[in-house]
Protein backbone atom coordinates (compact mmCIF):
# COMPACT_ATOMS: atom_id res chain seq x y z
CA MET A 1 -17.68 -3.93 13.95
CA ASP A 2 -19.39 -3.05 17.74
CA ALA A 3 -22.98 -3.11 15.79
CA ARG A 4 -22.75 -6.61 14.23
CA GLY A 5 -21.70 -7.94 17.67
CA ALA A 6 -18.14 -8.66 16.64
CA GLU A 7 -15.40 -9.02 19.12
CA ILE A 8 -12.37 -7.00 18.17
CA ALA A 9 -9.25 -8.57 19.36
CA ASP A 10 -6.73 -6.24 18.34
CA ARG A 11 -6.50 -2.81 17.26
CA THR A 12 -3.35 -0.81 15.79
CA PRO A 13 -3.21 2.71 15.89
CA ALA A 14 -3.20 4.40 12.15
CA SER A 15 0.06 6.31 13.34
CA ARG A 16 1.59 2.82 13.27
CA LYS A 17 2.39 1.75 9.54
CA LEU A 18 2.08 -1.51 8.31
CA GLY A 19 3.86 -2.72 4.97
CA ARG A 20 4.31 -5.44 2.70
CA ALA A 21 5.79 -7.78 5.34
CA ASP A 22 2.74 -7.31 7.74
CA ALA A 23 0.61 -8.10 4.72
CA GLU A 24 2.50 -11.20 4.18
CA ALA A 25 2.47 -12.28 7.68
CA LEU A 26 -1.45 -12.02 7.81
CA LEU A 27 -1.81 -13.84 4.53
CA ALA A 28 0.42 -16.88 6.01
CA ASP A 29 -2.55 -17.97 8.16
CA ALA A 30 -5.19 -17.21 5.67
CA GLU A 31 -7.19 -19.05 3.22
CA THR A 32 -9.56 -16.63 1.50
CA LEU A 33 -8.76 -12.68 0.99
CA TYR A 34 -11.26 -9.93 0.07
CA VAL A 35 -10.15 -6.76 -0.98
CA ALA A 36 -11.99 -3.68 -1.15
CA LYS A 37 -11.17 -0.72 -3.32
CA GLY A 38 -14.01 1.72 -3.48
CA ARG A 39 -16.86 -0.41 -4.88
CA LYS A 40 -14.97 -2.76 -6.36
CA ARG A 41 -14.71 -6.40 -4.02
CA THR A 42 -12.26 -8.86 -5.30
CA GLU A 43 -11.82 -12.19 -3.80
CA LEU A 44 -9.00 -14.48 -4.21
CA PRO A 45 -7.25 -17.42 -2.63
CA ALA A 46 -4.90 -16.03 0.37
CA SER A 47 -1.77 -17.64 -1.76
CA ASP A 48 -2.26 -15.81 -4.78
CA ALA A 49 1.15 -14.36 -5.71
CA GLU A 50 -1.01 -10.66 -6.40
CA ALA A 51 -2.40 -11.01 -2.71
CA PRO A 52 0.07 -8.65 -0.90
CA ASP A 53 -0.19 -6.11 -3.89
CA LEU A 54 -3.92 -5.55 -3.64
CA MET A 55 -3.83 -5.25 0.20
CA LEU A 56 -1.42 -2.10 0.01
CA GLY A 57 -2.46 1.36 -0.90
CA PRO A 58 -0.65 3.79 -3.05
CA THR A 59 1.76 4.73 -0.16
CA GLY A 60 3.01 0.96 0.26
CA ASN A 61 1.07 0.73 3.32
CA LEU A 62 -1.67 -1.87 4.27
CA ARG A 63 -5.29 -0.58 3.47
CA ALA A 64 -7.81 -0.12 6.42
CA PRO A 65 -9.37 -1.58 7.99
CA VAL A 66 -8.51 -5.37 8.39
CA VAL A 67 -10.63 -7.94 9.23
CA ARG A 68 -9.66 -11.27 10.08
CA VAL A 69 -12.54 -14.08 10.90
CA GLY A 70 -11.04 -17.44 11.20
CA ALA A 71 -9.03 -18.02 7.95
CA THR A 72 -10.55 -15.06 5.85
CA LEU A 73 -9.19 -11.72 5.63
CA ILE A 74 -11.16 -8.58 4.50
CA VAL A 75 -8.85 -5.55 3.51
CA GLY A 76 -10.36 -2.14 3.01
CA TYR A 77 -14.28 -1.16 3.62
CA HIS A 78 -16.71 -3.44 1.70
CA GLU A 79 -20.22 -3.96 3.60
CA GLU A 80 -21.27 -6.71 1.54
CA ALA A 81 -18.07 -8.52 2.48
CA LEU A 82 -18.72 -8.09 6.04
CA ASP A 83 -22.19 -9.13 5.81
CA GLN A 84 -21.14 -12.48 3.99
CA VAL A 85 -18.15 -13.15 6.63
CA LEU A 86 -19.80 -12.00 9.47
CA GLY A 87 -23.38 -12.83 9.03
């Protein structure tokens, strides 16, 4: 993120596990969600009922990293999505 010139407003240590309630709280302020799992990227409205499930990994914790840019959330690492949102 630093290489892209983005300012990081909040960092959460990996030892603090974030779950479904945290995912739902993030979605409350978002309009668009990008979720990356491997090379696959899914784009959907943040209001989609499936959104919280897509944000969680197999252990039930929020996938990392989570990037919020305005009303857009990116969950999981996907370089194209970051390029598109961060410009």
